[in-house]
Structure formats: structure tokens, C-alpha cells
Amino acid sequence: MEEGNRLIISVLGHDRVGIIYGISGVLANANVNILDISQTILQGFFTMVMVVDFSQSTVDLAELKRRLDEKGQELGLQVTVQHEDIFRYMHRI
């Protein structure tokens, strides 16, 4: 798979039931495949980072971001979506 088709999605907020279900449901409905996922709870704060394949998405990036933001607001979460190349550039050493 080409790197240009991957996105990094980060999720942060207070832990509650349904976070992974809600975010993964938005991705599934847009035909976005989760390639890797890491999640943990730090003193009651839920954190998750996902690498996803956007190449077969049925919506454009702006619409996916809107849907994830809407779900994040519903669940009281901050959801950030970045292209992998931008993420790598911002976090280079």
C-alpha cells in the first residue's frame, strides 16, 4: 500500500463506554480500514492512535474529518486527523 493513502487519527478524552465502537463505526461507514491501533487509559484519560488506509474511502478527507469531529463532540472527545506524511514531517527529529 502507498504511504500517501494512510492517515493518522488521534483521539483524546475522558474514558467512557463506546469510544472505540463510535470512532471505528464512522471509519467503517466510510470504508476506511484500520491498519493499526493503540489505545490506553492514563489516570482516567482515554488516548488512542490509529493508522488507517484511506484509499478506498467513500467520502473525501474533509467529510471524514467532519464525521469524526461530530462523533468526537457527541462522545466528548478531541479527534485529530492528519495525512501520514504531514504527521511524519511534524514529528521528525
PDB file of N, CA and C in Angstrom:
ATOM      1  N   MET A   1       0.828  -1.179   0.000  1.00  0.00           N
ATOM      2  CA  MET A   1       0.000   0.000   0.000  1.00  0.00           C
ATOM      3  C   MET A   1       0.878   1.251   0.000  1.00  0.00           C
ATOM      4  N   GLU A   2       0.470   2.259  -0.720  1.00  0.00           N
ATOM      5  CA  GLU A   2       1.212   3.500  -0.790  1.00  0.00           C
ATOM      6  C   GLU A   2       1.008   4.307   0.475  1.00  0.00           C
ATOM      7  N   GLU A   3       2.095   4.948   0.958  1.00  0.00           N
ATOM      8  CA  GLU A   3       2.006   5.731   2.183  1.00  0.00           C
ATOM      9  C   GLU A   3       1.043   6.902   2.041  1.00  0.00           C
ATOM     10  N   GLY A   4       0.887   7.445   0.854  1.00  0.00           N
ATOM     11  CA  GLY A   4       0.021   8.592   0.655  1.00  0.00           C
ATOM     12  C   GLY A   4      -1.440   8.331   0.947  1.00  0.00           C
ATOM     13  N   ASN A   5      -1.798   7.076   1.115  1.00  0.00           N
ATOM     14  CA  ASN A   5      -3.187   6.710   1.386  1.00  0.00           C
ATOM     15  C   ASN A   5      -3.458   6.482   2.867  1.00  0.00           C
ATOM     16  N   ARG A   6      -2.456   6.702   3.713  1.00  0.00           N
ATOM     17  CA  ARG A   6      -2.633   6.456   5.132  1.00  0.00           C
ATOM     18  C   ARG A   6      -2.854   7.754   5.900  1.00  0.00           C
ATOM     19  N   LEU A   7      -3.705   7.645   6.902  1.00  0.00           N
ATOM     20  CA  LEU A   7      -3.987   8.763   7.793  1.00  0.00           C
ATOM     21  C   LEU A   7      -3.658   8.352   9.216  1.00  0.00           C
ATOM     22  N   ILE A   8      -3.310   9.337  10.042  1.00  0.00           N
ATOM     23  CA  ILE A   8      -3.109   9.134  11.467  1.00  0.00           C
ATOM     24  C   ILE A   8      -4.285   9.807  12.165  1.00  0.00           C
ATOM     25  N   ILE A   9      -5.002   9.042  12.986  1.00  0.00           N
ATOM     26  CA  ILE A   9      -6.136   9.582  13.732  1.00  0.00           C
ATOM     27  C   ILE A   9      -5.807   9.454  15.209  1.00  0.00           C
ATOM     28  N   SER A  10      -5.875  10.568  15.936  1.00  0.00           N
ATOM     29  CA  SER A  10      -5.649  10.524  17.379  1.00  0.00           C
ATOM     30  C   SER A  10      -6.921  10.960  18.088  1.00  0.00           C
ATOM     31  N   VAL A  11      -7.177  10.313  19.216  1.00  0.00           N
ATOM     32  CA  VAL A  11      -8.399  10.536  19.985  1.00  0.00           C
ATOM     33  C   VAL A  11      -7.994  10.730  21.445  1.00  0.00           C
ATOM     34  N   LEU A  12      -8.537  11.762  22.079  1.00  0.00           N
ATOM     35  CA  LEU A  12      -8.223  12.049  23.472  1.00  0.00           C
ATOM     36  C   LEU A  12      -9.474  12.516  24.188  1.00  0.00           C
ATOM     37  N   GLY A  13      -9.688  12.008  25.391  1.00  0.00           N
ATOM     38  CA  GLY A  13     -10.832  12.462  26.182  1.00  0.00           C
ATOM     39  C   GLY A  13     -11.001  11.625  27.431  1.00  0.00           C
ATOM     40  N   HIS A  14     -12.029  11.926  28.186  1.00  0.00           N
ATOM     41  CA  HIS A  14     -12.326  11.139  29.374  1.00  0.00           C
ATOM     42  C   HIS A  14     -12.826   9.762  28.947  1.00  0.00           C
ATOM     43  N   ASP A  15     -12.377   8.749  29.670  1.00  0.00           N
ATOM     44  CA  ASP A  15     -12.782   7.383  29.340  1.00  0.00           C
ATOM     45  C   ASP A  15     -14.281   7.204  29.537  1.00  0.00           C
ATOM     46  N   ARG A  16     -14.884   6.488  28.624  1.00  0.00           N
ATOM     47  CA  ARG A  16     -16.308   6.149  28.709  1.00  0.00           C
ATOM     48  C   ARG A  16     -16.595   4.972  27.792  1.00  0.00           C
ATOM     49  N   VAL A  17     -17.711   4.358  27.981  1.00  0.00           N
ATOM     50  CA  VAL A  17     -18.117   3.228  27.145  1.00  0.00           C
ATOM     51  C   VAL A  17     -18.409   3.714  25.722  1.00  0.00           C
ATOM     52  N   GLY A  18     -17.966   2.953  24.732  1.00  0.00           N
ATOM     53  CA  GLY A  18     -18.350   3.201  23.344  1.00  0.00           C
ATOM     54  C   GLY A  18     -17.407   4.023  22.501  1.00  0.00           C
ATOM     55  N   ILE A  19     -16.245   4.397  23.035  1.00  0.00           N
ATOM     56  CA  ILE A  19     -15.337   5.253  22.256  1.00  0.00           C
ATOM     57  C   ILE A  19     -14.824   4.512  21.013  1.00  0.00           C
ATOM     58  N   ILE A  20     -14.233   3.343  21.205  1.00  0.00           N
ATOM     59  CA  ILE A  20     -13.676   2.611  20.064  1.00  0.00           C
ATOM     60  C   ILE A  20     -14.781   2.246  19.087  1.00  0.00           C
ATOM     61  N   TYR A  21     -15.919   1.817  19.617  1.00  0.00           N
ATOM     62  CA  TYR A  21     -17.067   1.484  18.778  1.00  0.00           C
ATOM     63  C   TYR A  21     -17.508   2.691  17.942  1.00  0.00           C
ATOM     64  N   GLY A  22     -17.611   3.849  18.557  1.00  0.00           N
ATOM     65  CA  GLY A  22     -18.079   5.045  17.852  1.00  0.00           C
ATOM     66  C   GLY A  22     -17.137   5.487  16.750  1.00  0.00           C
ATOM     67  N   ILE A  23     -15.855   5.558  17.068  1.00  0.00           N
ATOM     68  CA  ILE A  23     -14.874   6.019  16.079  1.00  0.00           C
ATOM     69  C   ILE A  23     -14.709   4.988  14.965  1.00  0.00           C
ATOM     70  N   SER A  24     -14.606   3.704  15.331  1.00  0.00           N
ATOM     71  CA  SER A  24     -14.439   2.678  14.296  1.00  0.00           C
ATOM     72  C   SER A  24     -15.690   2.566  13.426  1.00  0.00           C
ATOM     73  N   GLY A  25     -16.863   2.848  13.982  1.00  0.00           N
ATOM     74  CA  GLY A  25     -18.093   2.835  13.195  1.00  0.00           C
ATOM     75  C   GLY A  25     -18.098   3.909  12.119  1.00  0.00           C
ATOM     76  N   VAL A  26     -17.618   5.100  12.464  1.00  0.00           N
ATOM     77  CA  VAL A  26     -17.506   6.178  11.468  1.00  0.00           C
ATOM     78  C   VAL A  26     -16.576   5.740  10.342  1.00  0.00           C
ATOM     79  N   LEU A  27     -15.448   5.135  10.708  1.00  0.00           N
ATOM     80  CA  LEU A  27     -14.481   4.691   9.703  1.00  0.00           C
ATOM     81  C   LEU A  27     -15.069   3.591   8.824  1.00  0.00           C
ATOM     82  N   ALA A  28     -15.741   2.621   9.437  1.00  0.00           N
ATOM     83  CA  ALA A  28     -16.337   1.517   8.667  1.00  0.00           C
ATOM     84  C   ALA A  28     -17.392   2.029   7.700  1.00  0.00           C
ATOM     85  N   ASN A  29     -18.208   2.972   8.149  1.00  0.00           N
ATOM     86  CA  ASN A  29     -19.253   3.530   7.278  1.00  0.00           C
ATOM     87  C   ASN A  29     -18.680   4.277   6.085  1.00  0.00           C
ATOM     88  N   ALA A  30     -17.440   4.750   6.208  1.00  0.00           N
ATOM     89  CA  ALA A  30     -16.774   5.452   5.106  1.00  0.00           C
ATOM     90  C   ALA A  30     -15.834   4.526   4.334  1.00  0.00           C
ATOM     91  N   ASN A  31     -15.839   3.232   4.674  1.00  0.00           N
ATOM     92  CA  ASN A  31     -14.972   2.241   4.030  1.00  0.00           C
ATOM     93  C   ASN A  31     -13.485   2.567   4.227  1.00  0.00           C
ATOM     94  N   VAL A  32     -13.146   3.016   5.427  1.00  0.00           N
ATOM     95  CA  VAL A  32     -11.757   3.298   5.802  1.00  0.00           C
ATOM     96  C   VAL A  32     -11.291   2.147   6.684  1.00  0.00           C
ATOM     97  N   ASN A  33     -10.186   1.514   6.302  1.00  0.00           N
ATOM     98  CA  ASN A  33      -9.688   0.335   7.000  1.00  0.00           C
ATOM     99  C   ASN A  33      -8.682   0.714   8.083  1.00  0.00           C
ATOM    100  N   ILE A  34      -8.849   0.149   9.287  1.00  0.00           N
ATOM    101  CA  ILE A  34      -7.899   0.364  10.375  1.00  0.00           C
ATOM    102  C   ILE A  34      -6.736  -0.605  10.174  1.00  0.00           C
ATOM    103  N   LEU A  35      -5.529  -0.055  10.036  1.00  0.00           N
ATOM    104  CA  LEU A  35      -4.326  -0.864   9.840  1.00  0.00           C
ATOM    105  C   LEU A  35      -3.642  -1.173  11.164  1.00  0.00           C
ATOM    106  N   ASP A  36      -3.658  -0.212  12.061  1.00  0.00           N
ATOM    107  CA  ASP A  36      -3.012  -0.384  13.359  1.00  0.00           C
ATOM    108  C   ASP A  36      -3.730   0.517  14.354  1.00  0.00           C
ATOM    109  N   ILE A  37      -3.771   0.077  15.604  1.00  0.00           N
ATOM    110  CA  ILE A  37      -4.459   0.841  16.635  1.00  0.00           C
ATOM    111  C   ILE A  37      -3.742   0.629  17.963  1.00  0.00           C
ATOM    112  N   SER A  38      -3.599   1.701  18.703  1.00  0.00           N
ATOM    113  CA  SER A  38      -3.035   1.641  20.035  1.00  0.00           C
ATOM    114  C   SER A  38      -3.906   2.503  20.929  1.00  0.00           C
ATOM    115  N   GLN A  39      -4.330   1.941  22.047  1.00  0.00           N
ATOM    116  CA  GLN A  39      -5.152   2.730  22.958  1.00  0.00           C
ATOM    117  C   GLN A  39      -4.766   2.405  24.388  1.00  0.00           C
ATOM    118  N   THR A  40      -4.897   3.397  25.239  1.00  0.00           N
ATOM    119  CA  THR A  40      -4.603   3.212  26.650  1.00  0.00           C
ATOM    120  C   THR A  40      -5.421   4.207  27.460  1.00  0.00           C
ATOM    121  N   ILE A  41      -5.487   3.970  28.733  1.00  0.00           N
ATOM    122  CA  ILE A  41      -6.150   4.890  29.642  1.00  0.00           C
ATOM    123  C   ILE A  41      -5.112   5.338  30.653  1.00  0.00           C
ATOM    124  N   LEU A  42      -4.888   6.645  30.731  1.00  0.00           N
ATOM    125  CA  LEU A  42      -3.929   7.225  31.653  1.00  0.00           C
ATOM    126  C   LEU A  42      -4.684   8.054  32.682  1.00  0.00           C
ATOM    127  N   GLN A  43      -4.791   7.539  33.901  1.00  0.00           N
ATOM    128  CA  GLN A  43      -5.463   8.224  35.001  1.00  0.00           C
ATOM    129  C   GLN A  43      -6.831   8.761  34.581  1.00  0.00           C
ATOM    130  N   GLY A  44      -7.609   7.914  33.927  1.00  0.00           N
ATOM    131  CA  GLY A  44      -8.968   8.276  33.541  1.00  0.00           C
ATOM    132  C   GLY A  44      -9.092   8.946  32.189  1.00  0.00           C
ATOM    133  N   PHE A  45      -7.969   9.265  31.547  1.00  0.00           N
ATOM    134  CA  PHE A  45      -7.999   9.868  30.218  1.00  0.00           C
ATOM    135  C   PHE A  45      -7.756   8.796  29.167  1.00  0.00           C
ATOM    136  N   PHE A  46      -8.657   8.718  28.209  1.00  0.00           N
ATOM    137  CA  PHE A  46      -8.566   7.757  27.121  1.00  0.00           C
ATOM    138  C   PHE A  46      -7.717   8.355  26.013  1.00  0.00           C
ATOM    139  N   THR A  47      -6.728   7.599  25.530  1.00  0.00           N
ATOM    140  CA  THR A  47      -5.923   8.033  24.388  1.00  0.00           C
ATOM    141  C   THR A  47      -5.874   6.895  23.378  1.00  0.00           C
ATOM    142  N   MET A  48      -6.000   7.250  22.115  1.00  0.00           N
ATOM    143  CA  MET A  48      -5.951   6.250  21.050  1.00  0.00           C
ATOM    144  C   MET A  48      -5.301   6.870  19.819  1.00  0.00           C
ATOM    145  N   VAL A  49      -4.461   6.094  19.180  1.00  0.00           N
ATOM    146  CA  VAL A  49      -3.862   6.490  17.910  1.00  0.00           C
ATOM    147  C   VAL A  49      -4.123   5.362  16.928  1.00  0.00           C
ATOM    148  N   MET A  50      -4.586   5.725  15.739  1.00  0.00           N
ATOM    149  CA  MET A  50      -4.884   4.749  14.699  1.00  0.00           C
ATOM    150  C   MET A  50      -4.142   5.133  13.423  1.00  0.00           C
ATOM    151  N   VAL A  51      -3.674   4.130  12.705  1.00  0.00           N
ATOM    152  CA  VAL A  51      -3.183   4.310  11.342  1.00  0.00           C
ATOM    153  C   VAL A  51      -4.228   3.641  10.464  1.00  0.00           C
ATOM    154  N   VAL A  52      -4.765   4.391   9.507  1.00  0.00           N
ATOM    155  CA  VAL A  52      -5.842   3.869   8.676  1.00  0.00           C
ATOM    156  C   VAL A  52      -5.512   4.021   7.196  1.00  0.00           C
ATOM    157  N   ASP A  53      -6.107   3.142   6.398  1.00  0.00           N
ATOM    158  CA  ASP A  53      -5.980   3.178   4.945  1.00  0.00           C
ATOM    159  C   ASP A  53      -7.199   3.922   4.392  1.00  0.00           C
ATOM    160  N   PHE A  54      -6.942   5.048   3.781  1.00  0.00           N
ATOM    161  CA  PHE A  54      -7.981   5.935   3.257  1.00  0.00           C
ATOM    162  C   PHE A  54      -8.237   5.702   1.765  1.00  0.00           C
ATOM    163  N   SER A  55      -7.493   4.786   1.138  1.00  0.00           N
ATOM    164  CA  SER A  55      -7.511   4.666  -0.326  1.00  0.00           C
ATOM    165  C   SER A  55      -8.861   4.238  -0.902  1.00  0.00           C
ATOM    166  N   GLN A  56      -9.660   3.495  -0.164  1.00  0.00           N
ATOM    167  CA  GLN A  56     -10.949   3.028  -0.669  1.00  0.00           C
ATOM    168  C   GLN A  56     -12.126   3.786  -0.047  1.00  0.00           C
ATOM    169  N   SER A  57     -11.851   4.912   0.582  1.00  0.00           N
ATOM    170  CA  SER A  57     -12.893   5.669   1.267  1.00  0.00           C
ATOM    171  C   SER A  57     -13.992   6.116   0.308  1.00  0.00           C
ATOM    172  N   THR A  58     -15.223   6.067   0.795  1.00  0.00           N
ATOM    173  CA  THR A  58     -16.368   6.508   0.000  1.00  0.00           C
ATOM    174  C   THR A  58     -16.656   7.998   0.183  1.00  0.00           C
ATOM    175  N   VAL A  59     -15.864   8.664   1.043  1.00  0.00           N
ATOM    176  CA  VAL A  59     -16.002  10.106   1.258  1.00  0.00           C
ATOM    177  C   VAL A  59     -14.636  10.758   1.140  1.00  0.00           C
ATOM    178  N   ASP A  60     -14.629  12.071   0.883  1.00  0.00           N
ATOM    179  CA  ASP A  60     -13.346  12.763   0.817  1.00  0.00           C
ATOM    180  C   ASP A  60     -12.840  13.064   2.231  1.00  0.00           C
ATOM    181  N   LEU A  61     -11.617  13.545   2.312  1.00  0.00           N
ATOM    182  CA  LEU A  61     -10.983  13.769   3.609  1.00  0.00           C
ATOM    183  C   LEU A  61     -11.749  14.789   4.453  1.00  0.00           C
ATOM    184  N   ALA A  62     -12.219  15.857   3.834  1.00  0.00           N
ATOM    185  CA  ALA A  62     -12.962  16.881   4.577  1.00  0.00           C
ATOM    186  C   ALA A  62     -14.228  16.295   5.210  1.00  0.00           C
ATOM    187  N   GLU A  63     -14.931  15.450   4.485  1.00  0.00           N
ATOM    188  CA  GLU A  63     -16.146  14.834   5.010  1.00  0.00           C
ATOM    189  C   GLU A  63     -15.813  13.836   6.119  1.00  0.00           C
ATOM    190  N   LEU A  64     -14.752  13.074   5.949  1.00  0.00           N
ATOM    191  CA  LEU A  64     -14.351  12.142   7.005  1.00  0.00           C
ATOM    192  C   LEU A  64     -14.008  12.903   8.282  1.00  0.00           C
ATOM    193  N   LYS A  65     -13.250  13.991   8.147  1.00  0.00           N
ATOM    194  CA  LYS A  65     -12.911  14.808   9.315  1.00  0.00           C
ATOM    195  C   LYS A  65     -14.177  15.351   9.974  1.00  0.00           C
ATOM    196  N   ARG A  66     -15.133  15.797   9.179  1.00  0.00           N
ATOM    197  CA  ARG A  66     -16.386  16.336   9.723  1.00  0.00           C
ATOM    198  C   ARG A  66     -17.126  15.268  10.513  1.00  0.00           C
ATOM    199  N   ARG A  67     -17.215  14.073   9.943  1.00  0.00           N
ATOM    200  CA  ARG A  67     -17.920  12.981  10.619  1.00  0.00           C
ATOM    201  C   ARG A  67     -17.227  12.572  11.915  1.00  0.00           C
ATOM    202  N   LEU A  68     -15.903  12.507  11.879  1.00  0.00           N
ATOM    203  CA  LEU A  68     -15.166  12.153  13.091  1.00  0.00           C
ATOM    204  C   LEU A  68     -15.277  13.238  14.149  1.00  0.00           C
ATOM    205  N   ASP A  69     -15.257  14.491  13.717  1.00  0.00           N
ATOM    206  CA  ASP A  69     -15.409  15.598  14.650  1.00  0.00           C
ATOM    207  C   ASP A  69     -16.794  15.560  15.297  1.00  0.00           C
ATOM    208  N   GLU A  70     -17.799  15.290  14.493  1.00  0.00           N
ATOM    209  CA  GLU A  70     -19.172  15.197  15.006  1.00  0.00           C
ATOM    210  C   GLU A  70     -19.289  14.072  16.040  1.00  0.00           C
ATOM    211  N   LYS A  71     -18.713  12.917  15.732  1.00  0.00           N
ATOM    212  CA  LYS A  71     -18.734  11.790  16.671  1.00  0.00           C
ATOM    213  C   LYS A  71     -17.930  12.129  17.924  1.00  0.00           C
ATOM    214  N   GLY A  72     -16.813  12.805  17.743  1.00  0.00           N
ATOM    215  CA  GLY A  72     -15.998  13.218  18.880  1.00  0.00           C
ATOM    216  C   GLY A  72     -16.760  14.150  19.808  1.00  0.00           C
ATOM    217  N   GLN A  73     -17.468  15.105  19.245  1.00  0.00           N
ATOM    218  CA  GLN A  73     -18.263  16.021  20.061  1.00  0.00           C
ATOM    219  C   GLN A  73     -19.354  15.267  20.810  1.00  0.00           C
ATOM    220  N   GLU A  74     -19.980  14.317  20.135  1.00  0.00           N
ATOM    221  CA  GLU A  74     -21.030  13.507  20.746  1.00  0.00           C
ATOM    222  C   GLU A  74     -20.500  12.722  21.952  1.00  0.00           C
ATOM    223  N   LEU A  75     -19.246  12.252  21.840  1.00  0.00           N
ATOM    224  CA  LEU A  75     -18.644  11.437  22.897  1.00  0.00           C
ATOM    225  C   LEU A  75     -17.752  12.244  23.850  1.00  0.00           C
ATOM    226  N   GLY A  76     -17.636  13.547  23.625  1.00  0.00           N
ATOM    227  CA  GLY A  76     -16.795  14.385  24.477  1.00  0.00           C
ATOM    228  C   GLY A  76     -15.312  14.156  24.252  1.00  0.00           C
ATOM    229  N   LEU A  77     -14.916  13.960  23.000  1.00  0.00           N
ATOM    230  CA  LEU A  77     -13.538  13.649  22.649  1.00  0.00           C
ATOM    231  C   LEU A  77     -12.948  14.681  21.703  1.00  0.00           C
ATOM    232  N   GLN A  78     -11.629  14.767  21.713  1.00  0.00           N
ATOM    233  CA  GLN A  78     -10.910  15.538  20.707  1.00  0.00           C
ATOM    234  C   GLN A  78     -10.366  14.542  19.691  1.00  0.00           C
ATOM    235  N   VAL A  79     -10.756  14.689  18.434  1.00  0.00           N
ATOM    236  CA  VAL A  79     -10.317  13.785  17.373  1.00  0.00           C
ATOM    237  C   VAL A  79      -9.524  14.594  16.349  1.00  0.00           C
ATOM    238  N   THR A  80      -8.304  14.140  16.058  1.00  0.00           N
ATOM    239  CA  THR A  80      -7.435  14.812  15.097  1.00  0.00           C
ATOM    240  C   THR A  80      -7.106  13.842  13.968  1.00  0.00           C
ATOM    241  N   VAL A  81      -7.183  14.329  12.731  1.00  0.00           N
ATOM    242  CA  VAL A  81      -6.888  13.509  11.553  1.00  0.00           C
ATOM    243  C   VAL A  81      -5.804  14.210  10.741  1.00  0.00           C
ATOM    244  N   GLN A  82      -4.737  13.470  10.411  1.00  0.00           N
ATOM    245  CA  GLN A  82      -3.653  14.030   9.612  1.00  0.00           C
ATOM    246  C   GLN A  82      -3.201  13.002   8.581  1.00  0.00           C
ATOM    247  N   HIS A  83      -2.762  13.496   7.422  1.00  0.00           N
ATOM    248  CA  HIS A  83      -2.102  12.606   6.463  1.00  0.00           C
ATOM    249  C   HIS A  83      -0.814  12.112   7.115  1.00  0.00           C
ATOM    250  N   GLU A  84      -0.440  10.887   6.839  1.00  0.00           N
ATOM    251  CA  GLU A  84       0.764  10.315   7.431  1.00  0.00           C
ATOM    252  C   GLU A  84       2.006  11.155   7.120  1.00  0.00           C
ATOM    253  N   ASP A  85       2.132  11.663   5.899  1.00  0.00           N
ATOM    254  CA  ASP A  85       3.323  12.442   5.550  1.00  0.00           C
ATOM    255  C   ASP A  85       3.405  13.739   6.352  1.00  0.00           C
ATOM    256  N   ILE A  86       2.285  14.370   6.619  1.00  0.00           N
ATOM    257  CA  ILE A  86       2.274  15.588   7.436  1.00  0.00           C
ATOM    258  C   ILE A  86       2.637  15.236   8.877  1.00  0.00           C
ATOM    259  N   PHE A  87       2.071  14.141   9.381  1.00  0.00           N
ATOM    260  CA  PHE A  87       2.380  13.691  10.731  1.00  0.00           C
ATOM    261  C   PHE A  87       3.878  13.423  10.868  1.00  0.00           C
ATOM    262  N   ARG A  88       4.464  12.714   9.896  1.00  0.00           N
ATOM    263  CA  ARG A  88       5.900  12.415   9.940  1.00  0.00           C
ATOM    264  C   ARG A  88       6.724  13.705   9.909  1.00  0.00           C
ATOM    265  N   TYR A  89       6.332  14.649   9.074  1.00  0.00           N
ATOM    266  CA  TYR A  89       7.070  15.896   8.963  1.00  0.00           C
ATOM    267  C   TYR A  89       7.020  16.671  10.288  1.00  0.00           C
ATOM    268  N   MET A  90       5.853  16.727  10.903  1.00  0.00           N
ATOM    269  CA  MET A  90       5.683  17.474  12.146  1.00  0.00           C
ATOM    270  C   MET A  90       6.420  16.830  13.316  1.00  0.00           C
ATOM    271  N   HIS A  91       6.646  15.502  13.259  1.00  0.00           N
ATOM    272  CA  HIS A  91       7.243  14.797  14.384  1.00  0.00           C
ATOM    273  C   HIS A  91       8.643  14.265  14.079  1.00  0.00           C
ATOM    274  N   ARG A  92       9.301  14.877  13.102  1.00  0.00           N
ATOM    275  CA  ARG A  92      10.659  14.416  12.773  1.00  0.00           C
ATOM    276  C   ARG A  92      11.641  14.900  13.832  1.00  0.00           C
ATOM    277  N   ILE A  93      12.729  14.178  13.928  1.00  0.00           N
ATOM    278  CA  ILE A  93      13.759  14.528  14.921  1.00  0.00           C
ATOM    279  C   ILE A  93      14.876  15.266  14.224  1.00  0.00           C
TER     280      ILE A  93
END
